[in-house]
Amino acid sequence: MDIAKVGNVVEFHEGLRGRVEKVNENSVIVDLTIMDNFEELEQPEKTVINHKRYKIIND
């Protein structure tokens, strides 16, 4: 399992993407506002994702 670093873009939960802002022991905090359709999603700006639940898109 690869662990994301700050600045990586990760994909999770059926296509949502976010930029990693903080790496914790078991999870990362990601900023979802990088998505073009963020306003339409009605999601919070940031969320916490377990390391097992995301895929690194770019670094």
Protein backbone atom coordinates (compact mmCIF):
# COMPACT_ATOMS: atom_id res chain seq x y z
CA MET A 1 0.00 0.00 0.00
CA ASP A 2 1.42 3.37 -1.05
CA ILE A 3 0.87 6.26 1.34
CA ALA A 4 0.18 9.66 -0.21
CA LYS A 5 2.31 12.71 0.53
CA VAL A 6 1.26 16.32 0.97
CA GLY A 7 0.42 17.75 -2.46
CA ASN A 8 -0.57 14.43 -4.06
CA VAL A 9 -3.95 14.15 -5.75
CA VAL A 10 -5.90 11.10 -4.64
CA GLU A 11 -9.09 9.47 -5.89
CA PHE A 12 -11.58 7.81 -3.56
CA HIS A 13 -15.23 6.89 -3.11
CA GLU A 14 -16.36 6.39 -6.70
CA GLY A 15 -14.44 9.14 -8.48
CA LEU A 16 -14.08 11.95 -5.95
CA ARG A 17 -10.66 13.60 -6.04
CA GLY A 18 -8.77 15.81 -3.64
CA ARG A 19 -5.34 17.24 -2.92
CA VAL A 20 -3.65 15.90 0.23
CA GLU A 21 -3.11 18.62 2.83
CA LYS A 22 -2.00 16.54 5.81
CA VAL A 23 -0.83 12.97 6.33
CA ASN A 24 -1.78 11.26 9.59
CA GLU A 25 -0.80 7.82 10.88
CA ASN A 26 -3.87 6.05 9.45
CA SER A 27 -5.40 8.63 7.12
CA VAL A 28 -4.97 11.77 5.02
CA ILE A 29 -6.90 15.04 5.01
CA VAL A 30 -7.81 16.11 1.48
CA ASP A 31 -9.11 19.34 -0.06
CA LEU A 32 -11.99 18.60 -2.46
CA THR A 33 -12.21 22.11 -3.93
CA ILE A 34 -9.78 21.17 -6.73
CA MET A 35 -12.61 19.37 -8.55
CA ASP A 36 -14.30 21.36 -11.32
CA ASN A 37 -17.78 20.30 -10.19
CA PHE A 38 -17.17 20.84 -6.46
CA GLU A 39 -20.03 23.35 -6.06
CA GLU A 40 -22.54 20.85 -7.49
CA LEU A 41 -21.53 18.04 -5.15
CA GLU A 42 -22.71 19.63 -1.90
CA GLN A 43 -19.73 18.15 -0.04
CA PRO A 44 -17.59 19.74 2.68
CA GLU A 45 -14.36 21.39 1.49
CA LYS A 46 -12.16 18.87 3.32
CA THR A 47 -12.52 15.26 4.35
CA VAL A 48 -10.52 12.48 6.01
CA ILE A 49 -9.71 9.32 4.05
CA ASN A 50 -8.18 6.11 5.41
CA HIS A 51 -4.97 5.02 3.65
CA LYS A 52 -6.76 1.84 2.48
CA ARG A 53 -9.54 3.80 0.77
CA TYR A 54 -7.75 5.98 -1.80
CA LYS A 55 -5.61 5.66 -4.91
CA ILE A 56 -2.82 8.14 -5.70
CA ILE A 57 -3.53 9.82 -9.06
CA ASN A 58 -0.41 11.99 -9.37
CA ASP A 59 2.47 13.22 -7.22
